[in-house]
Amino acid sequence: MTEHVWSYKPTAGHLAGADLTGYEVEAVDGRIGKVDKHSDEVGDAYLVVDTGVWIFGKEVLLPAATVVRIDPEERKVFVDRTKEQIKDAPEFHREKHLGDPDYRHQLGTYYGPGGPFSGPMV
């Protein structure tokens, strides 16, 4: 089931309604960008991360379950995937994918149980 990837882990420290826009995003092996948009909707929580020059200014969509910790003092979000795993995720185009259930399923399968990188990476 992929629906669990769209919810924050209880241990992530996420507070509903908190504005994460502008927070730095750290993969297990370094910075990947900044939060450009996020959703707190129950069962549909995610981060849209602007990667800047890291992968040529592309955006990536990360399901909330990839978040392991949020540090409001440092304004950082830590995720449990490597840069390479995030770079290899299904390609994201904001105008096409934010409301697309097929893309959501594809991404949920990639990051979720049974996907190529399932389970904690840290």
PDB file of N, CA and C in Angstrom:
ATOM      1  N   MET A   1       0.833  -1.181   0.000  1.00  0.00           N
ATOM      2  CA  MET A   1       0.000   0.000   0.000  1.00  0.00           C
ATOM      3  C   MET A   1       0.878   1.245   0.000  1.00  0.00           C
ATOM      4  N   THR A   2       0.493   2.215  -0.795  1.00  0.00           N
ATOM      5  CA  THR A   2       1.312   3.415  -0.906  1.00  0.00           C
ATOM      6  C   THR A   2       0.763   4.589  -0.112  1.00  0.00           C
ATOM      7  N   GLU A   3      -0.427   4.452   0.486  1.00  0.00           N
ATOM      8  CA  GLU A   3      -1.022   5.610   1.148  1.00  0.00           C
ATOM      9  C   GLU A   3      -0.232   6.084   2.360  1.00  0.00           C
ATOM     10  N   HIS A   4       0.546   5.197   2.992  1.00  0.00           N
ATOM     11  CA  HIS A   4       1.306   5.598   4.170  1.00  0.00           C
ATOM     12  C   HIS A   4       2.462   6.545   3.839  1.00  0.00           C
ATOM     13  N   VAL A   5       2.901   6.568   2.599  1.00  0.00           N
ATOM     14  CA  VAL A   5       3.995   7.471   2.240  1.00  0.00           C
ATOM     15  C   VAL A   5       3.533   8.922   2.210  1.00  0.00           C
ATOM     16  N   TRP A   6       2.230   9.147   2.226  1.00  0.00           N
ATOM     17  CA  TRP A   6       1.682  10.496   2.137  1.00  0.00           C
ATOM     18  C   TRP A   6       1.309  11.059   3.510  1.00  0.00           C
ATOM     19  N   SER A   7       1.896  10.494   4.564  1.00  0.00           N
ATOM     20  CA  SER A   7       1.674  10.984   5.929  1.00  0.00           C
ATOM     21  C   SER A   7       3.016  11.120   6.632  1.00  0.00           C
ATOM     22  N   TYR A   8       3.136  12.164   7.470  1.00  0.00           N
ATOM     23  CA  TYR A   8       4.358  12.334   8.242  1.00  0.00           C
ATOM     24  C   TYR A   8       4.461  11.254   9.302  1.00  0.00           C
ATOM     25  N   LYS A   9       5.684  10.803   9.559  1.00  0.00           N
ATOM     26  CA  LYS A   9       5.919   9.866  10.657  1.00  0.00           C
ATOM     27  C   LYS A   9       5.700  10.607  11.967  1.00  0.00           C
ATOM     28  N   PRO A  10       5.167   9.927  12.978  1.00  0.00           N
ATOM     29  CA  PRO A  10       4.926  10.594  14.256  1.00  0.00           C
ATOM     30  C   PRO A  10       6.202  11.173  14.881  1.00  0.00           C
ATOM     31  N   THR A  11       7.337  10.607  14.555  1.00  0.00           N
ATOM     32  CA  THR A  11       8.611  11.037  15.136  1.00  0.00           C
ATOM     33  C   THR A  11       9.283  12.176  14.368  1.00  0.00           C
ATOM     34  N   ALA A  12       8.694  12.630  13.250  1.00  0.00           N
ATOM     35  CA  ALA A  12       9.321  13.656  12.414  1.00  0.00           C
ATOM     36  C   ALA A  12       9.308  15.038  13.056  1.00  0.00           C
ATOM     37  N   GLY A  13       8.412  15.259  13.998  1.00  0.00           N
ATOM     38  CA  GLY A  13       8.342  16.566  14.635  1.00  0.00           C
ATOM     39  C   GLY A  13       7.551  17.577  13.835  1.00  0.00           C
ATOM     40  N   HIS A  14       6.709  17.096  12.923  1.00  0.00           N
ATOM     41  CA  HIS A  14       5.907  18.008  12.113  1.00  0.00           C
ATOM     42  C   HIS A  14       4.703  18.490  12.899  1.00  0.00           C
ATOM     43  N   LEU A  15       4.465  19.780  12.850  1.00  0.00           N
ATOM     44  CA  LEU A  15       3.288  20.370  13.476  1.00  0.00           C
ATOM     45  C   LEU A  15       2.341  20.810  12.378  1.00  0.00           C
ATOM     46  N   ALA A  16       1.114  20.308  12.419  1.00  0.00           N
ATOM     47  CA  ALA A  16       0.126  20.677  11.410  1.00  0.00           C
ATOM     48  C   ALA A  16      -0.003  22.190  11.348  1.00  0.00           C
ATOM     49  N   GLY A  17      -0.023  22.705  10.146  1.00  0.00           N
ATOM     50  CA  GLY A  17      -0.161  24.141   9.951  1.00  0.00           C
ATOM     51  C   GLY A  17       1.151  24.900   9.938  1.00  0.00           C
ATOM     52  N   ALA A  18       2.261  24.242  10.262  1.00  0.00           N
ATOM     53  CA  ALA A  18       3.569  24.906  10.235  1.00  0.00           C
ATOM     54  C   ALA A  18       3.954  25.201   8.782  1.00  0.00           C
ATOM     55  N   ASP A  19       4.469  26.388   8.538  1.00  0.00           N
ATOM     56  CA  ASP A  19       4.892  26.773   7.192  1.00  0.00           C
ATOM     57  C   ASP A  19       6.344  26.365   6.987  1.00  0.00           C
ATOM     58  N   LEU A  20       6.562  25.379   6.135  1.00  0.00           N
ATOM     59  CA  LEU A  20       7.910  24.885   5.862  1.00  0.00           C
ATOM     60  C   LEU A  20       8.541  25.547   4.640  1.00  0.00           C
ATOM     61  N   THR A  21       7.832  26.444   3.998  1.00  0.00           N
ATOM     62  CA  THR A  21       8.351  27.118   2.808  1.00  0.00           C
ATOM     63  C   THR A  21       9.673  27.813   3.138  1.00  0.00           C
ATOM     64  N   GLY A  22      10.682  27.544   2.318  1.00  0.00           N
ATOM     65  CA  GLY A  22      11.999  28.147   2.515  1.00  0.00           C
ATOM     66  C   GLY A  22      12.941  27.319   3.365  1.00  0.00           C
ATOM     67  N   TYR A  23      12.445  26.280   4.025  1.00  0.00           N
ATOM     68  CA  TYR A  23      13.314  25.423   4.824  1.00  0.00           C
ATOM     69  C   TYR A  23      14.308  24.713   3.899  1.00  0.00           C
ATOM     70  N   GLU A  24      15.545  24.568   4.349  1.00  0.00           N
ATOM     71  CA  GLU A  24      16.546  23.777   3.639  1.00  0.00           C
ATOM     72  C   GLU A  24      16.159  22.305   3.762  1.00  0.00           C
ATOM     73  N   VAL A  25      16.434  21.522   2.719  1.00  0.00           N
ATOM     74  CA  VAL A  25      16.139  20.092   2.750  1.00  0.00           C
ATOM     75  C   VAL A  25      17.459  19.341   2.652  1.00  0.00           C
ATOM     76  N   GLU A  26      17.676  18.452   3.621  1.00  0.00           N
ATOM     77  CA  GLU A  26      18.912  17.680   3.706  1.00  0.00           C
ATOM     78  C   GLU A  26      18.628  16.204   3.473  1.00  0.00           C
ATOM     79  N   ALA A  27      19.273  15.626   2.458  1.00  0.00           N
ATOM     80  CA  ALA A  27      19.253  14.180   2.253  1.00  0.00           C
ATOM     81  C   ALA A  27      20.281  13.580   3.215  1.00  0.00           C
ATOM     82  N   VAL A  28      20.386  12.266   3.253  1.00  0.00           N
ATOM     83  CA  VAL A  28      21.353  11.652   4.168  1.00  0.00           C
ATOM     84  C   VAL A  28      22.791  12.003   3.800  1.00  0.00           C
ATOM     85  N   ASP A  29      23.019  12.424   2.541  1.00  0.00           N
ATOM     86  CA  ASP A  29      24.373  12.738   2.100  1.00  0.00           C
ATOM     87  C   ASP A  29      24.533  14.193   1.655  1.00  0.00           C
ATOM     88  N   GLY A  30      23.690  15.078   2.168  1.00  0.00           N
ATOM     89  CA  GLY A  30      23.892  16.495   1.890  1.00  0.00           C
ATOM     90  C   GLY A  30      22.636  17.224   1.450  1.00  0.00           C
ATOM     91  N   ARG A  31      22.810  18.534   1.276  1.00  0.00           N
ATOM     92  CA  ARG A  31      21.708  19.433   0.939  1.00  0.00           C
ATOM     93  C   ARG A  31      21.195  19.166  -0.468  1.00  0.00           C
ATOM     94  N   ILE A  32      19.851  19.184  -0.622  1.00  0.00           N
ATOM     95  CA  ILE A  32      19.274  18.999  -1.958  1.00  0.00           C
ATOM     96  C   ILE A  32      18.500  20.218  -2.438  1.00  0.00           C
ATOM     97  N   GLY A  33      18.170  21.146  -1.547  1.00  0.00           N
ATOM     98  CA  GLY A  33      17.435  22.324  -1.982  1.00  0.00           C
ATOM     99  C   GLY A  33      16.601  22.919  -0.876  1.00  0.00           C
ATOM    100  N   LYS A  34      15.553  23.656  -1.290  1.00  0.00           N
ATOM    101  CA  LYS A  34      14.654  24.327  -0.346  1.00  0.00           C
ATOM    102  C   LYS A  34      13.215  23.954  -0.642  1.00  0.00           C
ATOM    103  N   VAL A  35      12.406  23.929   0.408  1.00  0.00           N
ATOM    104  CA  VAL A  35      10.977  23.673   0.253  1.00  0.00           C
ATOM    105  C   VAL A  35      10.349  24.864  -0.468  1.00  0.00           C
ATOM    106  N   ASP A  36       9.699  24.575  -1.582  1.00  0.00           N
ATOM    107  CA  ASP A  36       9.025  25.609  -2.354  1.00  0.00           C
ATOM    108  C   ASP A  36       7.522  25.596  -2.080  1.00  0.00           C
ATOM    109  N   LYS A  37       6.992  24.418  -1.834  1.00  0.00           N
ATOM    110  CA  LYS A  37       5.564  24.232  -1.555  1.00  0.00           C
ATOM    111  C   LYS A  37       5.434  22.984  -0.711  1.00  0.00           C
ATOM    112  N   HIS A  38       4.376  22.928   0.097  1.00  0.00           N
ATOM    113  CA  HIS A  38       4.125  21.709   0.856  1.00  0.00           C
ATOM    114  C   HIS A  38       2.647  21.584   1.145  1.00  0.00           C
ATOM    115  N   SER A  39       2.257  20.354   1.449  1.00  0.00           N
ATOM    116  CA  SER A  39       0.874  20.075   1.801  1.00  0.00           C
ATOM    117  C   SER A  39       0.855  19.350   3.132  1.00  0.00           C
ATOM    118  N   ASP A  40      -0.098  19.718   3.971  1.00  0.00           N
ATOM    119  CA  ASP A  40      -0.301  19.053   5.260  1.00  0.00           C
ATOM    120  C   ASP A  40      -1.553  18.195   5.258  1.00  0.00           C
ATOM    121  N   GLU A  41      -2.198  18.066   4.116  1.00  0.00           N
ATOM    122  CA  GLU A  41      -3.452  17.328   4.078  1.00  0.00           C
ATOM    123  C   GLU A  41      -3.238  15.893   4.557  1.00  0.00           C
ATOM    124  N   VAL A  42      -4.135  15.440   5.411  1.00  0.00           N
ATOM    125  CA  VAL A  42      -4.056  14.077   5.926  1.00  0.00           C
ATOM    126  C   VAL A  42      -4.159  13.106   4.755  1.00  0.00           C
ATOM    127  N   GLY A  43      -3.185  12.209   4.663  1.00  0.00           N
ATOM    128  CA  GLY A  43      -3.163  11.236   3.581  1.00  0.00           C
ATOM    129  C   GLY A  43      -2.677  11.778   2.255  1.00  0.00           C
ATOM    130  N   ASP A  44      -2.285  13.058   2.206  1.00  0.00           N
ATOM    131  CA  ASP A  44      -1.781  13.658   0.967  1.00  0.00           C
ATOM    132  C   ASP A  44      -0.738  14.723   1.285  1.00  0.00           C
ATOM    133  N   ALA A  45       0.133  14.429   2.234  1.00  0.00           N
ATOM    134  CA  ALA A  45       1.156  15.388   2.646  1.00  0.00           C
ATOM    135  C   ALA A  45       2.436  15.153   1.830  1.00  0.00           C
ATOM    136  N   TYR A  46       3.048  16.251   1.412  1.00  0.00           N
ATOM    137  CA  TYR A  46       4.257  16.150   0.599  1.00  0.00           C
ATOM    138  C   TYR A  46       5.032  17.459   0.669  1.00  0.00           C
ATOM    139  N   LEU A  47       6.260  17.416   0.127  1.00  0.00           N
ATOM    140  CA  LEU A  47       7.098  18.605  -0.050  1.00  0.00           C
ATOM    141  C   LEU A  47       7.442  18.715  -1.526  1.00  0.00           C
ATOM    142  N   VAL A  48       7.384  19.917  -2.073  1.00  0.00           N
ATOM    143  CA  VAL A  48       7.946  20.199  -3.394  1.00  0.00           C
ATOM    144  C   VAL A  48       9.239  20.938  -3.108  1.00  0.00           C
ATOM    145  N   VAL A  49      10.350  20.364  -3.577  1.00  0.00           N
ATOM    146  CA  VAL A  49      11.672  20.908  -3.282  1.00  0.00           C
ATOM    147  C   VAL A  49      12.292  21.471  -4.552  1.00  0.00           C
ATOM    148  N   ASP A  50      12.688  22.737  -4.482  1.00  0.00           N
ATOM    149  CA  ASP A  50      13.419  23.378  -5.571  1.00  0.00           C
ATOM    150  C   ASP A  50      14.883  23.002  -5.379  1.00  0.00           C
ATOM    151  N   THR A  51      15.440  22.240  -6.322  1.00  0.00           N
ATOM    152  CA  THR A  51      16.804  21.732  -6.174  1.00  0.00           C
ATOM    153  C   THR A  51      17.872  22.716  -6.623  1.00  0.00           C
ATOM    154  N   GLY A  52      17.475  23.848  -7.157  1.00  0.00           N
ATOM    155  CA  GLY A  52      18.469  24.828  -7.591  1.00  0.00           C
ATOM    156  C   GLY A  52      19.388  24.234  -8.634  1.00  0.00           C
ATOM    157  N   VAL A  53      20.670  24.484  -8.498  1.00  0.00           N
ATOM    158  CA  VAL A  53      21.632  24.005  -9.495  1.00  0.00           C
ATOM    159  C   VAL A  53      21.979  22.528  -9.327  1.00  0.00           C
ATOM    160  N   TRP A  54      21.576  21.940  -8.210  1.00  0.00           N
ATOM    161  CA  TRP A  54      21.944  20.552  -7.946  1.00  0.00           C
ATOM    162  C   TRP A  54      21.527  19.623  -9.082  1.00  0.00           C
ATOM    163  N   ILE A  55      20.265  19.688  -9.504  1.00  0.00           N
ATOM    164  CA  ILE A  55      19.859  18.935 -10.699  1.00  0.00           C
ATOM    165  C   ILE A  55      19.222  19.900 -11.702  1.00  0.00           C
ATOM    166  N   PHE A  56      19.983  20.939 -11.994  1.00  0.00           N
ATOM    167  CA  PHE A  56      19.649  21.904 -13.033  1.00  0.00           C
ATOM    168  C   PHE A  56      18.311  22.597 -12.810  1.00  0.00           C
ATOM    169  N   GLY A  57      18.071  23.002 -11.581  1.00  0.00           N
ATOM    170  CA  GLY A  57      16.911  23.813 -11.280  1.00  0.00           C
ATOM    171  C   GLY A  57      15.582  23.093 -11.303  1.00  0.00           C
ATOM    172  N   LYS A  58      15.602  21.783 -11.295  1.00  0.00           N
ATOM    173  CA  LYS A  58      14.357  21.026 -11.307  1.00  0.00           C
ATOM    174  C   LYS A  58      13.744  21.002  -9.913  1.00  0.00           C
ATOM    175  N   GLU A  59      12.468  20.672  -9.902  1.00  0.00           N
ATOM    176  CA  GLU A  59      11.774  20.458  -8.643  1.00  0.00           C
ATOM    177  C   GLU A  59      11.564  18.956  -8.467  1.00  0.00           C
ATOM    178  N   VAL A  60      11.532  18.520  -7.216  1.00  0.00           N
ATOM    179  CA  VAL A  60      11.212  17.133  -6.906  1.00  0.00           C
ATOM    180  C   VAL A  60      10.078  17.137  -5.888  1.00  0.00           C
ATOM    181  N   LEU A  61       9.265  16.108  -5.947  1.00  0.00           N
ATOM    182  CA  LEU A  61       8.188  15.955  -4.988  1.00  0.00           C
ATOM    183  C   LEU A  61       8.548  14.803  -4.061  1.00  0.00           C
ATOM    184  N   LEU A  62       8.548  15.073  -2.765  1.00  0.00           N
ATOM    185  CA  LEU A  62       8.873  14.060  -1.769  1.00  0.00           C
ATOM    186  C   LEU A  62       7.655  13.789  -0.893  1.00  0.00           C
ATOM    187  N   PRO A  63       7.197  12.541  -0.822  1.00  0.00           N
ATOM    188  CA  PRO A  63       6.113  12.217   0.089  1.00  0.00           C
ATOM    189  C   PRO A  63       6.534  12.488   1.537  1.00  0.00           C
ATOM    190  N   ALA A  64       5.566  12.840   2.370  1.00  0.00           N
ATOM    191  CA  ALA A  64       5.842  13.212   3.760  1.00  0.00           C
ATOM    192  C   ALA A  64       6.567  12.121   4.547  1.00  0.00           C
ATOM    193  N   ALA A  65       6.347  10.857   4.215  1.00  0.00           N
ATOM    194  CA  ALA A  65       6.978   9.771   4.967  1.00  0.00           C
ATOM    195  C   ALA A  65       8.496   9.738   4.809  1.00  0.00           C
ATOM    196  N   THR A  66       9.046  10.458   3.821  1.00  0.00           N
ATOM    197  CA  THR A  66      10.505  10.500   3.676  1.00  0.00           C
ATOM    198  C   THR A  66      11.135  11.437   4.712  1.00  0.00           C
ATOM    199  N   VAL A  67      10.316  12.266   5.359  1.00  0.00           N
ATOM    200  CA  VAL A  67      10.817  13.217   6.359  1.00  0.00           C
ATOM    201  C   VAL A  67      11.057  12.487   7.670  1.00  0.00           C
ATOM    202  N   VAL A  68      12.302  12.573   8.157  1.00  0.00           N
ATOM    203  CA  VAL A  68      12.622  11.941   9.440  1.00  0.00           C
ATOM    204  C   VAL A  68      12.681  12.938  10.574  1.00  0.00           C
ATOM    205  N   ARG A  69      12.963  14.208  10.226  1.00  0.00           N
ATOM    206  CA  ARG A  69      13.057  15.206  11.288  1.00  0.00           C
ATOM    207  C   ARG A  69      12.906  16.597  10.699  1.00  0.00           C
ATOM    208  N   ILE A  70      12.222  17.448  11.453  1.00  0.00           N
ATOM    209  CA  ILE A  70      12.094  18.854  11.094  1.00  0.00           C
ATOM    210  C   ILE A  70      12.695  19.660  12.230  1.00  0.00           C
ATOM    211  N   ASP A  71      13.633  20.541  11.894  1.00  0.00           N
ATOM    212  CA  ASP A  71      14.285  21.384  12.887  1.00  0.00           C
ATOM    213  C   ASP A  71      13.851  22.831  12.648  1.00  0.00           C
ATOM    214  N   PRO A  72      12.851  23.307  13.424  1.00  0.00           N
ATOM    215  CA  PRO A  72      12.353  24.666  13.197  1.00  0.00           C
ATOM    216  C   PRO A  72      13.370  25.757  13.546  1.00  0.00           C
ATOM    217  N   GLU A  73      14.273  25.487  14.482  1.00  0.00           N
ATOM    218  CA  GLU A  73      15.278  26.496  14.832  1.00  0.00           C
ATOM    219  C   GLU A  73      16.280  26.698  13.702  1.00  0.00           C
ATOM    220  N   GLU A  74      16.711  25.617  13.096  1.00  0.00           N
ATOM    221  CA  GLU A  74      17.661  25.684  11.976  1.00  0.00           C
ATOM    222  C   GLU A  74      16.950  25.880  10.635  1.00  0.00           C
ATOM    223  N   ARG A  75      15.615  25.755  10.638  1.00  0.00           N
ATOM    224  CA  ARG A  75      14.806  25.820   9.426  1.00  0.00           C
ATOM    225  C   ARG A  75      15.286  24.792   8.398  1.00  0.00           C
ATOM    226  N   LYS A  76      15.350  23.517   8.869  1.00  0.00           N
ATOM    227  CA  LYS A  76      15.798  22.414   8.022  1.00  0.00           C
ATOM    228  C   LYS A  76      14.838  21.240   8.134  1.00  0.00           C
ATOM    229  N   VAL A  77      14.698  20.547   7.011  1.00  0.00           N
ATOM    230  CA  VAL A  77      13.941  19.300   6.940  1.00  0.00           C
ATOM    231  C   VAL A  77      14.928  18.218   6.532  1.00  0.00           C
ATOM    232  N   PHE A  78      14.953  17.128   7.283  1.00  0.00           N
ATOM    233  CA  PHE A  78      15.855  16.015   7.002  1.00  0.00           C
ATOM    234  C   PHE A  78      15.047  14.843   6.453  1.00  0.00           C
ATOM    235  N   VAL A  79      15.503  14.287   5.325  1.00  0.00           N
ATOM    236  CA  VAL A  79      14.820  13.154   4.704  1.00  0.00           C
ATOM    237  C   VAL A  79      15.721  11.929   4.707  1.00  0.00           C
ATOM    238  N   ASP A  80      15.094  10.751   4.597  1.00  0.00           N
ATOM    239  CA  ASP A  80      15.832   9.494   4.737  1.00  0.00           C
ATOM    240  C   ASP A  80      16.214   8.847   3.410  1.00  0.00           C
ATOM    241  N   ARG A  81      16.537   9.661   2.440  1.00  0.00           N
ATOM    242  CA  ARG A  81      16.983   9.162   1.142  1.00  0.00           C
ATOM    243  C   ARG A  81      18.271   9.883   0.745  1.00  0.00           C
ATOM    244  N   THR A  82      19.022   9.259  -0.160  1.00  0.00           N
ATOM    245  CA  THR A  82      20.247   9.882  -0.655  1.00  0.00           C
ATOM    246  C   THR A  82      19.904  10.820  -1.802  1.00  0.00           C
ATOM    247  N   LYS A  83      20.853  11.655  -2.151  1.00  0.00           N
ATOM    248  CA  LYS A  83      20.672  12.546  -3.302  1.00  0.00           C
ATOM    249  C   LYS A  83      20.379  11.740  -4.566  1.00  0.00           C
ATOM    250  N   GLU A  84      21.094  10.658  -4.762  1.00  0.00           N
ATOM    251  CA  GLU A  84      20.923   9.845  -5.967  1.00  0.00           C
ATOM    252  C   GLU A  84      19.525   9.240  -6.019  1.00  0.00           C
ATOM    253  N   GLN A  85      19.033   8.750  -4.892  1.00  0.00           N
ATOM    254  CA  GLN A  85      17.684   8.171  -4.861  1.00  0.00           C
ATOM    255  C   GLN A  85      16.635   9.219  -5.205  1.00  0.00           C
ATOM    256  N   ILE A  86      16.822  10.423  -4.711  1.00  0.00           N
ATOM    257  CA  ILE A  86      15.874  11.501  -5.000  1.00  0.00           C
ATOM    258  C   ILE A  86      15.982  11.915  -6.469  1.00  0.00           C
ATOM    259  N   LYS A  87      17.201  12.007  -6.965  1.00  0.00           N
ATOM    260  CA  LYS A  87      17.424  12.383  -8.364  1.00  0.00           C
ATOM    261  C   LYS A  87      16.811  11.357  -9.315  1.00  0.00           C
ATOM    262  N   ASP A  88      16.819  10.073  -8.928  1.00  0.00           N
ATOM    263  CA  ASP A  88      16.308   8.998  -9.779  1.00  0.00           C
ATOM    264  C   ASP A  88      14.803   8.766  -9.646  1.00  0.00           C
ATOM    265  N   ALA A  89      14.128   9.533  -8.802  1.00  0.00           N
ATOM    266  CA  ALA A  89      12.676   9.389  -8.618  1.00  0.00           C
ATOM    267  C   ALA A  89      11.958   9.759  -9.912  1.00  0.00           C
ATOM    268  N   PRO A  90      10.712   9.300 -10.059  1.00  0.00           N
ATOM    269  CA  PRO A  90       9.943   9.699 -11.246  1.00  0.00           C
ATOM    270  C   PRO A  90       9.951  11.217 -11.403  1.00  0.00           C
ATOM    271  N   GLU A  91      10.148  11.666 -12.634  1.00  0.00           N
ATOM    272  CA  GLU A  91      10.276  13.095 -12.919  1.00  0.00           C
ATOM    273  C   GLU A  91       9.018  13.859 -12.508  1.00  0.00           C
ATOM    274  N   PHE A  92       9.204  15.065 -11.985  1.00  0.00           N
ATOM    275  CA  PHE A  92       8.104  15.878 -11.486  1.00  0.00           C
ATOM    276  C   PHE A  92       7.971  17.150 -12.308  1.00  0.00           C
ATOM    277  N   HIS A  93       6.745  17.427 -12.750  1.00  0.00           N
ATOM    278  CA  HIS A  93       6.396  18.683 -13.398  1.00  0.00           C
ATOM    279  C   HIS A  93       5.180  19.222 -12.661  1.00  0.00           C
ATOM    280  N   ARG A  94       5.356  20.325 -11.969  1.00  0.00           N
ATOM    281  CA  ARG A  94       4.314  20.888 -11.102  1.00  0.00           C
ATOM    282  C   ARG A  94       2.949  20.987 -11.794  1.00  0.00           C
ATOM    283  N   GLU A  95       2.924  21.584 -12.967  1.00  0.00           N
ATOM    284  CA  GLU A  95       1.637  21.824 -13.636  1.00  0.00           C
ATOM    285  C   GLU A  95       0.949  20.527 -14.052  1.00  0.00           C
ATOM    286  N   LYS A  96       1.717  19.483 -14.216  1.00  0.00           N
ATOM    287  CA  LYS A  96       1.151  18.208 -14.673  1.00  0.00           C
ATOM    288  C   LYS A  96       0.837  17.261 -13.518  1.00  0.00           C
ATOM    289  N   HIS A  97       1.663  17.246 -12.498  1.00  0.00           N
ATOM    290  CA  HIS A  97       1.608  16.157 -11.522  1.00  0.00           C
ATOM    291  C   HIS A  97       0.914  16.428 -10.194  1.00  0.00           C
ATOM    292  N   LEU A  98       0.744  17.669  -9.780  1.00  0.00           N
ATOM    293  CA  LEU A  98       0.196  17.889  -8.444  1.00  0.00           C
ATOM    294  C   LEU A  98      -1.197  17.284  -8.265  1.00  0.00           C
ATOM    295  N   GLY A  99      -2.000  17.238  -9.282  1.00  0.00           N
ATOM    296  CA  GLY A  99      -3.324  16.651  -9.148  1.00  0.00           C
ATOM    297  C   GLY A  99      -3.483  15.306  -9.842  1.00  0.00           C
ATOM    298  N   ASP A 100      -2.386  14.695 -10.248  1.00  0.00           N
ATOM    299  CA  ASP A 100      -2.426  13.476 -11.052  1.00  0.00           C
ATOM    300  C   ASP A 100      -2.345  12.221 -10.176  1.00  0.00           C
ATOM    301  N   PRO A 101      -3.442  11.452 -10.044  1.00  0.00           N
ATOM    302  CA  PRO A 101      -3.419  10.253  -9.196  1.00  0.00           C
ATOM    303  C   PRO A 101      -2.467   9.175  -9.716  1.00  0.00           C
ATOM    304  N   ASP A 102      -2.260   9.106 -11.033  1.00  0.00           N
ATOM    305  CA  ASP A 102      -1.322   8.110 -11.567  1.00  0.00           C
ATOM    306  C   ASP A 102       0.106   8.428 -11.134  1.00  0.00           C
ATOM    307  N   TYR A 103       0.469   9.712 -11.184  1.00  0.00           N
ATOM    308  CA  TYR A 103       1.811  10.115 -10.739  1.00  0.00           C
ATOM    309  C   TYR A 103       1.957   9.859  -9.240  1.00  0.00           C
ATOM    310  N   ARG A 104       0.931  10.198  -8.473  1.00  0.00           N
ATOM    311  CA  ARG A 104       0.951   9.968  -7.029  1.00  0.00           C
ATOM    312  C   ARG A 104       1.185   8.485  -6.733  1.00  0.00           C
ATOM    313  N   HIS A 105       0.512   7.605  -7.466  1.00  0.00           N
ATOM    314  CA  HIS A 105       0.700   6.165  -7.266  1.00  0.00           C
ATOM    315  C   HIS A 105       2.123   5.742  -7.647  1.00  0.00           C
ATOM    316  N   GLN A 106       2.612   6.263  -8.762  1.00  0.00           N
ATOM    317  CA  GLN A 106       3.965   5.932  -9.226  1.00  0.00           C
ATOM    318  C   GLN A 106       5.009   6.367  -8.184  1.00  0.00           C
ATOM    319  N   LEU A 107       4.862   7.574  -7.669  1.00  0.00           N
ATOM    320  CA  LEU A 107       5.803   8.075  -6.679  1.00  0.00           C
ATOM    321  C   LEU A 107       5.662   7.317  -5.357  1.00  0.00           C
ATOM    322  N   GLY A 108       4.422   7.022  -4.966  1.00  0.00           N
ATOM    323  CA  GLY A 108       4.192   6.253  -3.747  1.00  0.00           C
ATOM    324  C   GLY A 108       4.819   4.875  -3.816  1.00  0.00           C
ATOM    325  N   THR A 109       4.754   4.263  -4.993  1.00  0.00           N
ATOM    326  CA  THR A 109       5.373   2.952  -5.188  1.00  0.00           C
ATOM    327  C   THR A 109       6.900   3.068  -5.123  1.00  0.00           C
ATOM    328  N   TYR A 110       7.443   4.116  -5.707  1.00  0.00           N
ATOM    329  CA  TYR A 110       8.898   4.321  -5.706  1.00  0.00           C
ATOM    330  C   TYR A 110       9.430   4.483  -4.285  1.00  0.00           C
ATOM    331  N   TYR A 111       8.782   5.328  -3.481  1.00  0.00           N
ATOM    332  CA  TYR A 111       9.254   5.614  -2.134  1.00  0.00           C
ATOM    333  C   TYR A 111       8.681   4.688  -1.068  1.00  0.00           C
ATOM    334  N   GLY A 112       7.610   3.970  -1.385  1.00  0.00           N
ATOM    335  CA  GLY A 112       6.903   3.197  -0.373  1.00  0.00           C
ATOM    336  C   GLY A 112       7.428   1.789  -0.172  1.00  0.00           C
ATOM    337  N   PRO A 113       6.699   1.023   0.653  1.00  0.00           N
ATOM    338  CA  PRO A 113       7.074  -0.367   0.928  1.00  0.00           C
ATOM    339  C   PRO A 113       7.152  -1.169  -0.367  1.00  0.00           C
ATOM    340  N   GLY A 114       8.229  -1.903  -0.520  1.00  0.00           N
ATOM    341  CA  GLY A 114       8.417  -2.709  -1.717  1.00  0.00           C
ATOM    342  C   GLY A 114       9.059  -1.956  -2.856  1.00  0.00           C
ATOM    343  N   GLY A 115       9.204  -0.625  -2.720  1.00  0.00           N
ATOM    344  CA  GLY A 115       9.875   0.164  -3.753  1.00  0.00           C
ATOM    345  C   GLY A 115      11.373  -0.097  -3.701  1.00  0.00           C
ATOM    346  N   PRO A 116      12.112   0.434  -4.658  1.00  0.00           N
ATOM    347  CA  PRO A 116      13.543   0.149  -4.719  1.00  0.00           C
ATOM    348  C   PRO A 116      14.318   0.644  -3.503  1.00  0.00           C
ATOM    349  N   PHE A 117      13.771   1.596  -2.765  1.00  0.00           N
ATOM    350  CA  PHE A 117      14.491   2.162  -1.630  1.00  0.00           C
ATOM    351  C   PHE A 117      13.632   2.145  -0.379  1.00  0.00           C
ATOM    352  N   SER A 118      12.792   1.140  -0.239  1.00  0.00           N
ATOM    353  CA  SER A 118      11.894   1.109   0.918  1.00  0.00           C
ATOM    354  C   SER A 118      12.697   0.894   2.189  1.00  0.00           C
ATOM    355  N   GLY A 119      12.141   1.385   3.239  1.00  0.00           N
ATOM    356  CA  GLY A 119      12.783   1.256   4.545  1.00  0.00           C
ATOM    357  C   GLY A 119      13.669   2.428   4.830  1.00  0.00           C
ATOM    358  N   PRO A 120      13.984   2.624   6.108  1.00  0.00           N
ATOM    359  CA  PRO A 120      14.826   3.758   6.493  1.00  0.00           C
ATOM    360  C   PRO A 120      16.220   3.643   5.903  1.00  0.00           C
ATOM    361  N   MET A 121      16.730   4.772   5.452  1.00  0.00           N
ATOM    362  CA  MET A 121      18.069   4.801   4.865  1.00  0.00           C
ATOM    363  C   MET A 121      19.089   5.358   5.843  1.00  0.00           C
ATOM    364  N   VAL A 122      18.651   5.747   7.043  1.00  0.00           N
ATOM    365  CA  VAL A 122      19.596   6.307   8.018  1.00  0.00           C
ATOM    366  C   VAL A 122      19.633   5.474   9.249  1.00  0.00           C
TER     367      VAL A 122
END
